[in-house]
PDB file of N, CA and C in Angstrom:
ATOM      1  N   MET A   1      16.605  -5.224  -3.979  1.00  0.00           N
ATOM      2  CA  MET A   1      15.282  -4.618  -4.114  1.00  0.00           C
ATOM      3  C   MET A   1      14.564  -4.768  -2.777  1.00  0.00           C
ATOM      4  N   ALA A   2      13.865  -3.733  -2.383  1.00  0.00           N
ATOM      5  CA  ALA A   2      13.039  -3.776  -1.173  1.00  0.00           C
ATOM      6  C   ALA A   2      11.603  -3.484  -1.587  1.00  0.00           C
ATOM      7  N   LYS A   3      10.696  -4.063  -0.825  1.00  0.00           N
ATOM      8  CA  LYS A   3       9.279  -3.896  -1.150  1.00  0.00           C
ATOM      9  C   LYS A   3       8.490  -3.489   0.076  1.00  0.00           C
ATOM     10  N   MET A   4       7.411  -2.800  -0.201  1.00  0.00           N
ATOM     11  CA  MET A   4       6.417  -2.475   0.813  1.00  0.00           C
ATOM     12  C   MET A   4       5.141  -3.183   0.375  1.00  0.00           C
ATOM     13  N   LEU A   5       4.670  -4.074   1.226  1.00  0.00           N
ATOM     14  CA  LEU A   5       3.448  -4.818   0.952  1.00  0.00           C
ATOM     15  C   LEU A   5       2.362  -4.240   1.844  1.00  0.00           C
ATOM     16  N   VAL A   6       1.275  -3.781   1.232  1.00  0.00           N
ATOM     17  CA  VAL A   6       0.163  -3.186   1.979  1.00  0.00           C
ATOM     18  C   VAL A   6      -1.058  -4.060   1.743  1.00  0.00           C
ATOM     19  N   ILE A   7      -1.643  -4.550   2.830  1.00  0.00           N
ATOM     20  CA  ILE A   7      -2.791  -5.447   2.747  1.00  0.00           C
ATOM     21  C   ILE A   7      -3.971  -4.756   3.423  1.00  0.00           C
ATOM     22  N   TYR A   8      -5.011  -4.502   2.654  1.00  0.00           N
ATOM     23  CA  TYR A   8      -6.205  -3.824   3.167  1.00  0.00           C
ATOM     24  C   TYR A   8      -7.302  -4.831   3.450  1.00  0.00           C
ATOM     25  N   LYS A   9      -7.951  -4.675   4.586  1.00  0.00           N
ATOM     26  CA  LYS A   9      -9.145  -5.460   4.887  1.00  0.00           C
ATOM     27  C   LYS A   9     -10.332  -4.827   4.171  1.00  0.00           C
ATOM     28  N   THR A  10     -11.425  -5.549   4.085  1.00  0.00           N
ATOM     29  CA  THR A  10     -12.614  -5.045   3.401  1.00  0.00           C
ATOM     30  C   THR A  10     -13.137  -3.790   4.099  1.00  0.00           C
ATOM     31  N   PRO A  11     -13.246  -2.691   3.361  1.00  0.00           N
ATOM     32  CA  PRO A  11     -13.728  -1.443   3.959  1.00  0.00           C
ATOM     33  C   PRO A  11     -15.245  -1.459   4.164  1.00  0.00           C
ATOM     34  N   ALA A  12     -15.716  -0.584   5.032  1.00  0.00           N
ATOM     35  CA  ALA A  12     -17.155  -0.457   5.280  1.00  0.00           C
ATOM     36  C   ALA A  12     -17.882  -0.029   4.009  1.00  0.00           C
ATOM     37  N   ASP A  13     -17.263   0.830   3.218  1.00  0.00           N
ATOM     38  CA  ASP A  13     -17.858   1.327   1.978  1.00  0.00           C
ATOM     39  C   ASP A  13     -16.875   1.085   0.828  1.00  0.00           C
ATOM     40  N   PRO A  14     -16.919  -0.090   0.196  1.00  0.00           N
ATOM     41  CA  PRO A  14     -15.957  -0.397  -0.873  1.00  0.00           C
ATOM     42  C   PRO A  14     -15.949   0.616  -2.020  1.00  0.00           C
ATOM     43  N   ALA A  15     -17.109   1.129  -2.406  1.00  0.00           N
ATOM     44  CA  ALA A  15     -17.161   2.089  -3.513  1.00  0.00           C
ATOM     45  C   ALA A  15     -16.404   3.366  -3.160  1.00  0.00           C
ATOM     46  N   ALA A  16     -16.589   3.870  -1.949  1.00  0.00           N
ATOM     47  CA  ALA A  16     -15.876   5.071  -1.509  1.00  0.00           C
ATOM     48  C   ALA A  16     -14.373   4.797  -1.412  1.00  0.00           C
ATOM     49  N   PHE A  17     -14.015   3.616  -0.906  1.00  0.00           N
ATOM     50  CA  PHE A  17     -12.610   3.226  -0.842  1.00  0.00           C
ATOM     51  C   PHE A  17     -11.996   3.272  -2.235  1.00  0.00           C
ATOM     52  N   GLU A  18     -12.647   2.625  -3.202  1.00  0.00           N
ATOM     53  CA  GLU A  18     -12.107   2.545  -4.560  1.00  0.00           C
ATOM     54  C   GLU A  18     -11.951   3.924  -5.192  1.00  0.00           C
ATOM     55  N   ARG A  19     -12.951   4.779  -5.023  1.00  0.00           N
ATOM     56  CA  ARG A  19     -12.857   6.134  -5.582  1.00  0.00           C
ATOM     57  C   ARG A  19     -11.651   6.864  -5.009  1.00  0.00           C
ATOM     58  N   HIS A  20     -11.550   6.881  -3.696  1.00  0.00           N
ATOM     59  CA  HIS A  20     -10.459   7.619  -3.054  1.00  0.00           C
ATOM     60  C   HIS A  20      -9.111   6.983  -3.399  1.00  0.00           C
ATOM     61  N   TYR A  21      -9.047   5.675  -3.333  1.00  0.00           N
ATOM     62  CA  TYR A  21      -7.791   4.973  -3.586  1.00  0.00           C
ATOM     63  C   TYR A  21      -7.265   5.273  -4.992  1.00  0.00           C
ATOM     64  N   HIS A  22      -8.123   5.131  -6.001  1.00  0.00           N
ATOM     65  CA  HIS A  22      -7.684   5.316  -7.388  1.00  0.00           C
ATOM     66  C   HIS A  22      -7.552   6.781  -7.790  1.00  0.00           C
ATOM     67  N   ASP A  23      -8.443   7.632  -7.294  1.00  0.00           N
ATOM     68  CA  ASP A  23      -8.441   9.033  -7.727  1.00  0.00           C
ATOM     69  C   ASP A  23      -7.462   9.908  -6.959  1.00  0.00           C
ATOM     70  N   ILE A  24      -7.186   9.549  -5.704  1.00  0.00           N
ATOM     71  CA  ILE A  24      -6.355  10.413  -4.867  1.00  0.00           C
ATOM     72  C   ILE A  24      -5.086   9.710  -4.391  1.00  0.00           C
ATOM     73  N   HIS A  25      -5.239   8.552  -3.762  1.00  0.00           N
ATOM     74  CA  HIS A  25      -4.087   7.929  -3.107  1.00  0.00           C
ATOM     75  C   HIS A  25      -3.036   7.414  -4.092  1.00  0.00           C
ATOM     76  N   VAL A  26      -3.432   6.673  -5.092  1.00  0.00           N
ATOM     77  CA  VAL A  26      -2.457   6.115  -6.034  1.00  0.00           C
ATOM     78  C   VAL A  26      -1.687   7.230  -6.753  1.00  0.00           C
ATOM     79  N   PRO A  27      -2.350   8.269  -7.297  1.00  0.00           N
ATOM     80  CA  PRO A  27      -1.570   9.337  -7.938  1.00  0.00           C
ATOM     81  C   PRO A  27      -0.586  10.009  -6.967  1.00  0.00           C
ATOM     82  N   LEU A  28      -0.983  10.155  -5.701  1.00  0.00           N
ATOM     83  CA  LEU A  28      -0.090  10.734  -4.702  1.00  0.00           C
ATOM     84  C   LEU A  28       1.092   9.805  -4.439  1.00  0.00           C
ATOM     85  N   ALA A  29       0.823   8.526  -4.222  1.00  0.00           N
ATOM     86  CA  ALA A  29       1.876   7.563  -3.907  1.00  0.00           C
ATOM     87  C   ALA A  29       2.852   7.381  -5.070  1.00  0.00           C
ATOM     88  N   LYS A  30       2.387   7.529  -6.292  1.00  0.00           N
ATOM     89  CA  LYS A  30       3.279   7.394  -7.449  1.00  0.00           C
ATOM     90  C   LYS A  30       4.338   8.493  -7.486  1.00  0.00           C
ATOM     91  N   GLN A  31       4.170   9.526  -6.658  1.00  0.00           N
ATOM     92  CA  GLN A  31       5.149  10.612  -6.572  1.00  0.00           C
ATOM     93  C   GLN A  31       6.214  10.370  -5.499  1.00  0.00           C
ATOM     94  N   LEU A  32       6.126   9.247  -4.781  1.00  0.00           N
ATOM     95  CA  LEU A  32       7.112   8.960  -3.737  1.00  0.00           C
ATOM     96  C   LEU A  32       8.519   8.939  -4.322  1.00  0.00           C
ATOM     97  N   PRO A  33       9.445   9.651  -3.707  1.00  0.00           N
ATOM     98  CA  PRO A  33      10.808   9.619  -4.231  1.00  0.00           C
ATOM     99  C   PRO A  33      11.402   8.215  -4.116  1.00  0.00           C
ATOM    100  N   GLY A  34      12.034   7.764  -5.186  1.00  0.00           N
ATOM    101  CA  GLY A  34      12.683   6.463  -5.189  1.00  0.00           C
ATOM    102  C   GLY A  34      11.782   5.293  -5.525  1.00  0.00           C
ATOM    103  N   LEU A  35      10.501   5.546  -5.751  1.00  0.00           N
ATOM    104  CA  LEU A  35       9.576   4.470  -6.101  1.00  0.00           C
ATOM    105  C   LEU A  35       9.869   4.004  -7.530  1.00  0.00           C
ATOM    106  N   HIS A  36      10.078   2.695  -7.690  1.00  0.00           N
ATOM    107  CA  HIS A  36      10.337   2.139  -9.023  1.00  0.00           C
ATOM    108  C   HIS A  36       9.078   1.587  -9.676  1.00  0.00           C
ATOM    109  N   ARG A  37       8.221   1.009  -8.854  1.00  0.00           N
ATOM    110  CA  ARG A  37       7.039   0.344  -9.409  1.00  0.00           C
ATOM    111  C   ARG A  37       5.963   0.269  -8.342  1.00  0.00           C
ATOM    112  N   TYR A  38       4.708   0.306  -8.762  1.00  0.00           N
ATOM    113  CA  TYR A  38       3.566   0.244  -7.852  1.00  0.00           C
ATOM    114  C   TYR A  38       2.556  -0.700  -8.490  1.00  0.00           C
ATOM    115  N   GLU A  39       2.269  -1.791  -7.815  1.00  0.00           N
ATOM    116  CA  GLU A  39       1.302  -2.763  -8.327  1.00  0.00           C
ATOM    117  C   GLU A  39       0.177  -2.933  -7.318  1.00  0.00           C
ATOM    118  N   ILE A  40      -1.022  -3.190  -7.830  1.00  0.00           N
ATOM    119  CA  ILE A  40      -2.140  -3.512  -6.948  1.00  0.00           C
ATOM    120  C   ILE A  40      -2.821  -4.780  -7.453  1.00  0.00           C
ATOM    121  N   SER A  41      -3.482  -5.442  -6.524  1.00  0.00           N
ATOM    122  CA  SER A  41      -4.190  -6.671  -6.870  1.00  0.00           C
ATOM    123  C   SER A  41      -5.438  -6.358  -7.679  1.00  0.00           C
ATOM    124  N   ARG A  42      -5.818  -7.335  -8.463  1.00  0.00           N
ATOM    125  CA  ARG A  42      -7.120  -7.306  -9.105  1.00  0.00           C
ATOM    126  C   ARG A  42      -8.075  -8.060  -8.199  1.00  0.00           C
ATOM    127  N   SER A  43      -9.318  -7.719  -8.261  1.00  0.00           N
ATOM    128  CA  SER A  43     -10.312  -8.429  -7.444  1.00  0.00           C
ATOM    129  C   SER A  43     -10.778  -9.660  -8.192  1.00  0.00           C
ATOM    130  N   PRO A  44     -11.070 -10.711  -7.529  1.00  0.00           N
ATOM    131  CA  PRO A  44     -10.959 -10.873  -6.085  1.00  0.00           C
ATOM    132  C   PRO A  44      -9.571 -11.371  -5.702  1.00  0.00           C
ATOM    133  N   VAL A  45      -9.161 -11.061  -4.467  1.00  0.00           N
ATOM    134  CA  VAL A  45      -7.959 -11.651  -3.881  1.00  0.00           C
ATOM    135  C   VAL A  45      -8.402 -12.987  -3.307  1.00  0.00           C
ATOM    136  N   MET A  46      -7.637 -14.028  -3.532  1.00  0.00           N
ATOM    137  CA  MET A  46      -8.015 -15.354  -3.029  1.00  0.00           C
ATOM    138  C   MET A  46      -7.092 -15.766  -1.901  1.00  0.00           C
ATOM    139  N   ASN A  47      -7.676 -16.181  -0.810  1.00  0.00           N
ATOM    140  CA  ASN A  47      -6.928 -16.692   0.331  1.00  0.00           C
ATOM    141  C   ASN A  47      -7.040 -18.207   0.294  1.00  0.00           C
ATOM    142  N   VAL A  48      -5.908 -18.894   0.183  1.00  0.00           N
ATOM    143  CA  VAL A  48      -5.954 -20.355   0.079  1.00  0.00           C
ATOM    144  C   VAL A  48      -5.962 -21.036   1.445  1.00  0.00           C
ATOM    145  N   LEU A  49      -5.792 -20.256   2.498  1.00  0.00           N
ATOM    146  CA  LEU A  49      -5.823 -20.786   3.860  1.00  0.00           C
ATOM    147  C   LEU A  49      -7.019 -20.219   4.605  1.00  0.00           C
ATOM    148  N   PRO A  50      -7.422 -20.848   5.686  1.00  0.00           N
ATOM    149  CA  PRO A  50      -8.529 -20.285   6.474  1.00  0.00           C
ATOM    150  C   PRO A  50      -8.159 -18.896   7.005  1.00  0.00           C
ATOM    151  N   GLY A  51      -9.152 -18.072   7.165  1.00  0.00           N
ATOM    152  CA  GLY A  51      -8.932 -16.731   7.696  1.00  0.00           C
ATOM    153  C   GLY A  51      -9.529 -15.685   6.790  1.00  0.00           C
ATOM    154  N   GLU A  52      -9.413 -14.471   7.221  1.00  0.00           N
ATOM    155  CA  GLU A  52      -9.981 -13.355   6.473  1.00  0.00           C
ATOM    156  C   GLU A  52      -9.260 -13.159   5.143  1.00  0.00           C
ATOM    157  N   THR A  53     -10.016 -12.939   4.094  1.00  0.00           N
ATOM    158  CA  THR A  53      -9.459 -12.678   2.777  1.00  0.00           C
ATOM    159  C   THR A  53      -9.230 -11.185   2.614  1.00  0.00           C
ATOM    160  N   PRO A  54      -8.027 -10.777   2.202  1.00  0.00           N
ATOM    161  CA  PRO A  54      -7.778  -9.351   1.985  1.00  0.00           C
ATOM    162  C   PRO A  54      -8.688  -8.783   0.896  1.00  0.00           C
ATOM    163  N   TYR A  55      -8.966  -7.509   1.010  1.00  0.00           N
ATOM    164  CA  TYR A  55      -9.762  -6.803   0.013  1.00  0.00           C
ATOM    165  C   TYR A  55      -8.873  -6.342  -1.147  1.00  0.00           C
ATOM    166  N   ARG A  56      -7.735  -5.754  -0.789  1.00  0.00           N
ATOM    167  CA  ARG A  56      -6.830  -5.198  -1.796  1.00  0.00           C
ATOM    168  C   ARG A  56      -5.408  -5.392  -1.284  1.00  0.00           C
ATOM    169  N   VAL A  57      -4.476  -5.661  -2.200  1.00  0.00           N
ATOM    170  CA  VAL A  57      -3.068  -5.771  -1.867  1.00  0.00           C
ATOM    171  C   VAL A  57      -2.298  -4.840  -2.799  1.00  0.00           C
ATOM    172  N   ALA A  58      -1.345  -4.107  -2.228  1.00  0.00           N
ATOM    173  CA  ALA A  58      -0.490  -3.225  -3.023  1.00  0.00           C
ATOM    174  C   ALA A  58       0.965  -3.575  -2.741  1.00  0.00           C
ATOM    175  N   ILE A  59       1.788  -3.509  -3.776  1.00  0.00           N
ATOM    176  CA  ILE A  59       3.223  -3.755  -3.629  1.00  0.00           C
ATOM    177  C   ILE A  59       3.959  -2.568  -4.245  1.00  0.00           C
ATOM    178  N   LEU A  60       4.802  -1.938  -3.430  1.00  0.00           N
ATOM    179  CA  LEU A  60       5.607  -0.805  -3.875  1.00  0.00           C
ATOM    180  C   LEU A  60       7.068  -1.239  -3.864  1.00  0.00           C
ATOM    181  N   TYR A  61       7.810  -0.929  -4.925  1.00  0.00           N
ATOM    182  CA  TYR A  61       9.181  -1.378  -5.109  1.00  0.00           C
ATOM    183  C   TYR A  61      10.156  -0.206  -4.973  1.00  0.00           C
ATOM    184  N   PHE A  62      11.192  -0.424  -4.159  1.00  0.00           N
ATOM    185  CA  PHE A  62      12.238   0.574  -3.937  1.00  0.00           C
ATOM    186  C   PHE A  62      13.598  -0.128  -4.002  1.00  0.00           C
ATOM    187  N   ASP A  63      14.680   0.646  -4.021  1.00  0.00           N
ATOM    188  CA  ASP A  63      16.022   0.068  -4.051  1.00  0.00           C
ATOM    189  C   ASP A  63      16.401  -0.628  -2.748  1.00  0.00           C
ATOM    190  N   SER A  64      15.958  -0.078  -1.611  1.00  0.00           N
ATOM    191  CA  SER A  64      16.394  -0.586  -0.313  1.00  0.00           C
ATOM    192  C   SER A  64      15.389  -0.192   0.764  1.00  0.00           C
ATOM    193  N   LEU A  65      15.538  -0.791   1.931  1.00  0.00           N
ATOM    194  CA  LEU A  65      14.698  -0.388   3.065  1.00  0.00           C
ATOM    195  C   LEU A  65      14.964   1.069   3.428  1.00  0.00           C
ATOM    196  N   GLU A  66      16.211   1.482   3.321  1.00  0.00           N
ATOM    197  CA  GLU A  66      16.539   2.886   3.599  1.00  0.00           C
ATOM    198  C   GLU A  66      15.834   3.809   2.605  1.00  0.00           C
ATOM    199  N   ALA A  67      15.722   3.394   1.353  1.00  0.00           N
ATOM    200  CA  ALA A  67      15.007   4.205   0.359  1.00  0.00           C
ATOM    201  C   ALA A  67      13.524   4.322   0.718  1.00  0.00           C
ATOM    202  N   ILE A  68      12.941   3.265   1.275  1.00  0.00           N
ATOM    203  CA  ILE A  68      11.542   3.328   1.718  1.00  0.00           C
ATOM    204  C   ILE A  68      11.416   4.318   2.870  1.00  0.00           C
ATOM    205  N   ARG A  69      12.329   4.213   3.843  1.00  0.00           N
ATOM    206  CA  ARG A  69      12.294   5.142   4.988  1.00  0.00           C
ATOM    207  C   ARG A  69      12.431   6.587   4.515  1.00  0.00           C
ATOM    208  N   THR A  70      13.350   6.811   3.599  1.00  0.00           N
ATOM    209  CA  THR A  70      13.563   8.159   3.058  1.00  0.00           C
ATOM    210  C   THR A  70      12.317   8.653   2.334  1.00  0.00           C
ATOM    211  N   ALA A  71      11.705   7.791   1.536  1.00  0.00           N
ATOM    212  CA  ALA A  71      10.499   8.178   0.789  1.00  0.00           C
ATOM    213  C   ALA A  71       9.383   8.604   1.738  1.00  0.00           C
ATOM    214  N   PHE A  72       9.172   7.844   2.806  1.00  0.00           N
ATOM    215  CA  PHE A  72       8.071   8.152   3.708  1.00  0.00           C
ATOM    216  C   PHE A  72       8.404   9.247   4.713  1.00  0.00           C
ATOM    217  N   ALA A  73       9.666   9.657   4.778  1.00  0.00           N
ATOM    218  CA  ALA A  73      10.048  10.815   5.586  1.00  0.00           C
ATOM    219  C   ALA A  73       9.898  12.110   4.789  1.00  0.00           C
ATOM    220  N   SER A  74       9.713  11.981   3.477  1.00  0.00           N
ATOM    221  CA  SER A  74       9.572  13.158   2.606  1.00  0.00           C
ATOM    222  C   SER A  74       8.179  13.773   2.771  1.00  0.00           C
ATOM    223  N   GLU A  75       8.007  14.944   2.196  1.00  0.00           N
ATOM    224  CA  GLU A  75       6.708  15.622   2.235  1.00  0.00           C
ATOM    225  C   GLU A  75       5.625  14.759   1.579  1.00  0.00           C
ATOM    226  N   ILE A  76       5.945  14.160   0.444  1.00  0.00           N
ATOM    227  CA  ILE A  76       4.979  13.285  -0.242  1.00  0.00           C
ATOM    228  C   ILE A  76       4.684  12.059   0.613  1.00  0.00           C
ATOM    229  N   GLY A  77       5.695  11.484   1.217  1.00  0.00           N
ATOM    230  CA  GLY A  77       5.504  10.310   2.073  1.00  0.00           C
ATOM    231  C   GLY A  77       4.603  10.605   3.256  1.00  0.00           C
ATOM    232  N   ARG A  78       4.808  11.744   3.888  1.00  0.00           N
ATOM    233  CA  ARG A  78       3.943  12.130   5.012  1.00  0.00           C
ATOM    234  C   ARG A  78       2.518  12.373   4.529  1.00  0.00           C
ATOM    235  N   ALA A  79       2.382  12.943   3.325  1.00  0.00           N
ATOM    236  CA  ALA A  79       1.046  13.166   2.762  1.00  0.00           C
ATOM    237  C   ALA A  79       0.362  11.830   2.465  1.00  0.00           C
ATOM    238  N   CYS A  80       1.122  10.845   1.986  1.00  0.00           N
ATOM    239  CA  CYS A  80       0.563   9.508   1.726  1.00  0.00           C
ATOM    240  C   CYS A  80       0.060   8.868   3.018  1.00  0.00           C
ATOM    241  N   ALA A  81       0.859   8.962   4.059  1.00  0.00           N
ATOM    242  CA  ALA A  81       0.466   8.377   5.344  1.00  0.00           C
ATOM    243  C   ALA A  81      -0.792   9.047   5.879  1.00  0.00           C
ATOM    244  N   GLU A  82      -0.861  10.360   5.755  1.00  0.00           N
ATOM    245  CA  GLU A  82      -2.053  11.089   6.209  1.00  0.00           C
ATOM    246  C   GLU A  82      -3.267  10.735   5.355  1.00  0.00           C
ATOM    247  N   ASP A  83      -3.058  10.622   4.054  1.00  0.00           N
ATOM    248  CA  ASP A  83      -4.168  10.300   3.157  1.00  0.00           C
ATOM    249  C   ASP A  83      -4.695   8.895   3.413  1.00  0.00           C
ATOM    250  N   ARG A  84      -3.821   7.940   3.687  1.00  0.00           N
ATOM    251  CA  ARG A  84      -4.249   6.560   3.944  1.00  0.00           C
ATOM    252  C   ARG A  84      -5.261   6.510   5.082  1.00  0.00           C
ATOM    253  N   ARG A  85      -5.121   7.373   6.039  1.00  0.00           N
ATOM    254  CA  ARG A  85      -6.051   7.404   7.170  1.00  0.00           C
ATOM    255  C   ARG A  85      -7.448   7.884   6.753  1.00  0.00           C
ATOM    256  N   LYS A  86      -7.548   8.522   5.588  1.00  0.00           N
ATOM    257  CA  LYS A  86      -8.848   9.005   5.115  1.00  0.00           C
ATOM    258  C   LYS A  86      -9.700   7.890   4.524  1.00  0.00           C
ATOM    259  N   PHE A  87      -9.075   6.872   3.925  1.00  0.00           N
ATOM    260  CA  PHE A  87      -9.872   5.806   3.309  1.00  0.00           C
ATOM    261  C   PHE A  87      -9.700   4.452   3.999  1.00  0.00           C
ATOM    262  N   ALA A  88      -8.689   4.324   4.850  1.00  0.00           N
ATOM    263  CA  ALA A  88      -8.477   3.102   5.638  1.00  0.00           C
ATOM    264  C   ALA A  88      -7.934   3.535   6.994  1.00  0.00           C
ATOM    265  N   GLY A  89      -8.761   4.266   7.703  1.00  0.00           N
ATOM    266  CA  GLY A  89      -8.333   4.989   8.888  1.00  0.00           C
ATOM    267  C   GLY A  89      -7.818   4.172  10.048  1.00  0.00           C
ATOM    268  N   ASP A  90      -8.531   3.151  10.423  1.00  0.00           N
ATOM    269  CA  ASP A  90      -8.107   2.378  11.577  1.00  0.00           C
ATOM    270  C   ASP A  90      -6.906   1.515  11.213  1.00  0.00           C
ATOM    271  N   ASP A  91      -5.874   1.550  12.069  1.00  0.00           N
ATOM    272  CA  ASP A  91      -4.680   0.757  11.788  1.00  0.00           C
ATOM    273  C   ASP A  91      -4.978  -0.732  11.729  1.00  0.00           C
ATOM    274  N   ASP A  92      -6.068  -1.172  12.348  1.00  0.00           N
ATOM    275  CA  ASP A  92      -6.398  -2.598  12.281  1.00  0.00           C
ATOM    276  C   ASP A  92      -7.049  -2.980  10.946  1.00  0.00           C
ATOM    277  N   LEU A  93      -7.273  -2.012  10.059  1.00  0.00           N
ATOM    278  CA  LEU A  93      -7.839  -2.289   8.735  1.00  0.00           C
ATOM    279  C   LEU A  93      -6.767  -2.475   7.664  1.00  0.00           C
ATOM    280  N   VAL A  94      -5.508  -2.290   8.050  1.00  0.00           N
ATOM    281  CA  VAL A  94      -4.419  -2.372   7.079  1.00  0.00           C
ATOM    282  C   VAL A  94      -3.194  -3.000   7.743  1.00  0.00           C
ATOM    283  N   THR A  95      -2.457  -3.781   6.959  1.00  0.00           N
ATOM    284  CA  THR A  95      -1.173  -4.323   7.381  1.00  0.00           C
ATOM    285  C   THR A  95      -0.127  -3.824   6.405  1.00  0.00           C
ATOM    286  N   MET A  96       0.996  -3.334   6.920  1.00  0.00           N
ATOM    287  CA  MET A  96       2.087  -2.858   6.068  1.00  0.00           C
ATOM    288  C   MET A  96       3.355  -3.608   6.445  1.00  0.00           C
ATOM    289  N   LEU A  97       3.966  -4.234   5.458  1.00  0.00           N
ATOM    290  CA  LEU A  97       5.191  -4.995   5.673  1.00  0.00           C
ATOM    291  C   LEU A  97       6.284  -4.445   4.772  1.00  0.00           C
ATOM    292  N   LEU A  98       7.466  -4.235   5.326  1.00  0.00           N
ATOM    293  CA  LEU A  98       8.628  -3.781   4.575  1.00  0.00           C
ATOM    294  C   LEU A  98       9.667  -4.887   4.612  1.00  0.00           C
ATOM    295  N   PHE A  99      10.265  -5.188   3.455  1.00  0.00           N
ATOM    296  CA  PHE A  99      11.242  -6.264   3.434  1.00  0.00           C
ATOM    297  C   PHE A  99      12.154  -6.153   2.221  1.00  0.00           C
ATOM    298  N   ASP A 100      13.387  -6.650   2.410  1.00  0.00           N
ATOM    299  CA  ASP A 100      14.327  -6.800   1.301  1.00  0.00           C
ATOM    300  C   ASP A 100      14.033  -8.122   0.616  1.00  0.00           C
ATOM    301  N   THR A 101      14.351  -8.199  -0.656  1.00  0.00           N
ATOM    302  CA  THR A 101      14.171  -9.445  -1.393  1.00  0.00           C
ATOM    303  C   THR A 101      15.517  -9.912  -1.911  1.00  0.00           C
ATOM    304  N   GLU A 102      15.588 -11.178  -2.218  1.00  0.00           N
ATOM    305  CA  GLU A 102      16.784 -11.732  -2.841  1.00  0.00           C
ATOM    306  C   GLU A 102      16.353 -12.724  -3.910  1.00  0.00           C
ATOM    307  N   PRO A 103      17.042 -12.710  -5.042  1.00  0.00           N
ATOM    308  CA  PRO A 103      16.691 -13.672  -6.078  1.00  0.00           C
ATOM    309  C   PRO A 103      17.124 -15.070  -5.664  1.00  0.00           C
ATOM    310  N   LEU A 104      16.371 -16.054  -6.065  1.00  0.00           N
ATOM    311  CA  LEU A 104      16.710 -17.448  -5.770  1.00  0.00           C
ATOM    312  C   LEU A 104      17.029 -18.199  -7.040  1.00  0.00           C
TER     313      LEU A 104
END
Protein backbone atom coordinates (compact mmCIF):
# COMPACT_ATOMS: atom_id res chain seq x y z
CA MET A 1 0.00 0.00 0.00
CA ALA A 2 1.22 3.50 -0.78
CA LYS A 3 -0.09 6.69 0.72
CA MET A 4 -0.15 10.37 -0.05
CA LEU A 5 -0.11 12.50 3.07
CA VAL A 6 -1.19 16.12 2.55
CA ILE A 7 -0.66 18.56 5.41
CA TYR A 8 -2.28 22.00 5.13
CA LYS A 9 -1.24 25.01 7.15
CA THR A 10 -3.91 27.33 8.52
CA PRO A 11 -5.43 29.25 5.61
CA ALA A 12 -6.04 33.01 5.62
CA ASP A 13 -9.79 32.35 5.30
CA PRO A 14 -10.68 29.01 6.96
CA ALA A 15 -14.37 29.24 6.01
CA ALA A 16 -13.55 29.71 2.32
CA PHE A 17 -11.00 26.89 2.52
CA GLU A 18 -13.57 24.52 4.04
CA ARG A 19 -16.25 25.36 1.47
CA HIS A 20 -13.93 24.84 -1.48
CA TYR A 21 -12.24 21.79 0.01
CA HIS A 22 -15.47 19.92 0.80
CA ASP A 23 -17.65 21.13 -2.08
CA ILE A 24 -15.13 21.01 -4.92
CA HIS A 25 -11.77 19.45 -4.11
CA VAL A 26 -12.78 16.28 -2.25
CA PRO A 27 -15.42 15.23 -4.84
CA LEU A 28 -12.83 15.82 -7.59
CA ALA A 29 -10.07 13.91 -5.77
CA LYS A 30 -12.39 10.96 -5.09
CA GLN A 31 -12.38 10.42 -8.87
CA LEU A 32 -8.61 9.80 -9.00
CA PRO A 33 -7.94 6.55 -10.81
CA GLY A 34 -6.66 3.86 -8.45
CA LEU A 35 -7.69 5.68 -5.27
CA HIS A 36 -8.80 3.15 -2.63
CA ARG A 37 -9.55 5.42 0.29
CA TYR A 38 -9.50 9.12 1.21
CA GLU A 39 -9.42 10.23 4.84
CA ILE A 40 -9.23 13.68 6.36
CA SER A 41 -8.54 14.85 9.88
CA ARG A 42 -11.18 16.13 12.20
CA SER A 43 -10.50 19.44 13.88
CA PRO A 44 -8.56 20.17 15.86
CA VAL A 45 -5.31 18.53 14.77
CA MET A 46 -3.02 18.27 17.79
CA ASN A 47 0.73 18.71 17.56
CA VAL A 48 2.47 17.04 20.49
CA LEU A 49 5.81 18.68 19.69
CA PRO A 50 6.75 22.35 19.48
CA GLY A 51 6.06 23.99 16.14
CA GLU A 52 3.20 24.95 13.93
CA THR A 53 0.06 22.84 14.24
CA PRO A 54 -1.42 21.68 10.93
CA TYR A 55 -4.88 22.91 10.02
CA ARG A 56 -5.99 19.85 8.06
CA VAL A 57 -4.41 16.50 7.18
CA ALA A 58 -5.52 14.24 4.33
CA ILE A 59 -4.42 10.68 3.59
CA LEU A 60 -5.03 9.11 0.18
CA TYR A 61 -4.47 5.35 -0.28
CA PHE A 62 -3.24 3.70 -3.48
CA ASP A 63 -1.72 0.32 -4.41
CA SER A 64 1.78 1.69 -5.09
CA LEU A 65 3.84 4.81 -5.64
CA GLU A 66 3.53 4.15 -9.36
CA ALA A 67 -0.27 4.14 -8.99
CA ILE A 68 -0.04 7.58 -7.33
CA ARG A 69 2.13 8.88 -10.18
CA THR A 70 -0.30 7.45 -12.73
CA ALA A 71 -3.30 8.96 -10.93
CA PHE A 72 -1.79 12.45 -10.87
CA ALA A 73 -0.67 12.20 -14.51
CA SER A 74 -4.32 11.61 -15.50
CA GLU A 75 -6.75 14.36 -16.49
CA ILE A 76 -8.40 14.17 -13.05
CA GLY A 77 -5.01 14.26 -11.32
CA ARG A 78 -3.97 17.38 -13.22
CA ALA A 79 -7.33 18.95 -12.38
CA CYS A 80 -6.77 18.14 -8.67
CA ALA A 81 -3.34 19.76 -8.72
CA GLU A 82 -4.74 22.86 -10.42
CA ASP A 83 -7.68 23.03 -8.03
CA ARG A 84 -5.44 22.74 -4.95
CA ARG A 85 -3.82 26.01 -5.98
CA LYS A 86 -7.23 27.71 -5.74
CA PHE A 87 -7.70 27.08 -2.00
CA ALA A 88 -4.10 26.49 -0.84
CA GLY A 89 -2.20 28.32 -3.53
CA ASP A 90 1.23 28.92 -2.12
CA ASP A 91 3.37 25.78 -2.03
CA ASP A 92 4.61 26.83 1.41
CA LEU A 93 1.03 26.39 2.73
CA VAL A 94 0.96 22.66 2.02
CA THR A 95 3.26 19.66 2.44
CA MET A 96 2.74 16.53 0.33
CA LEU A 97 4.49 13.28 1.17
CA LEU A 98 4.32 10.05 -0.85
CA PHE A 99 5.43 6.78 0.70
CA ASP A 100 5.05 3.02 0.66
CA THR A 101 3.93 1.32 3.84
CA GLU A 102 4.70 -2.06 5.31
CA PRO A 103 2.85 -3.93 8.02
CA LEU A 104 4.75 -4.54 11.24
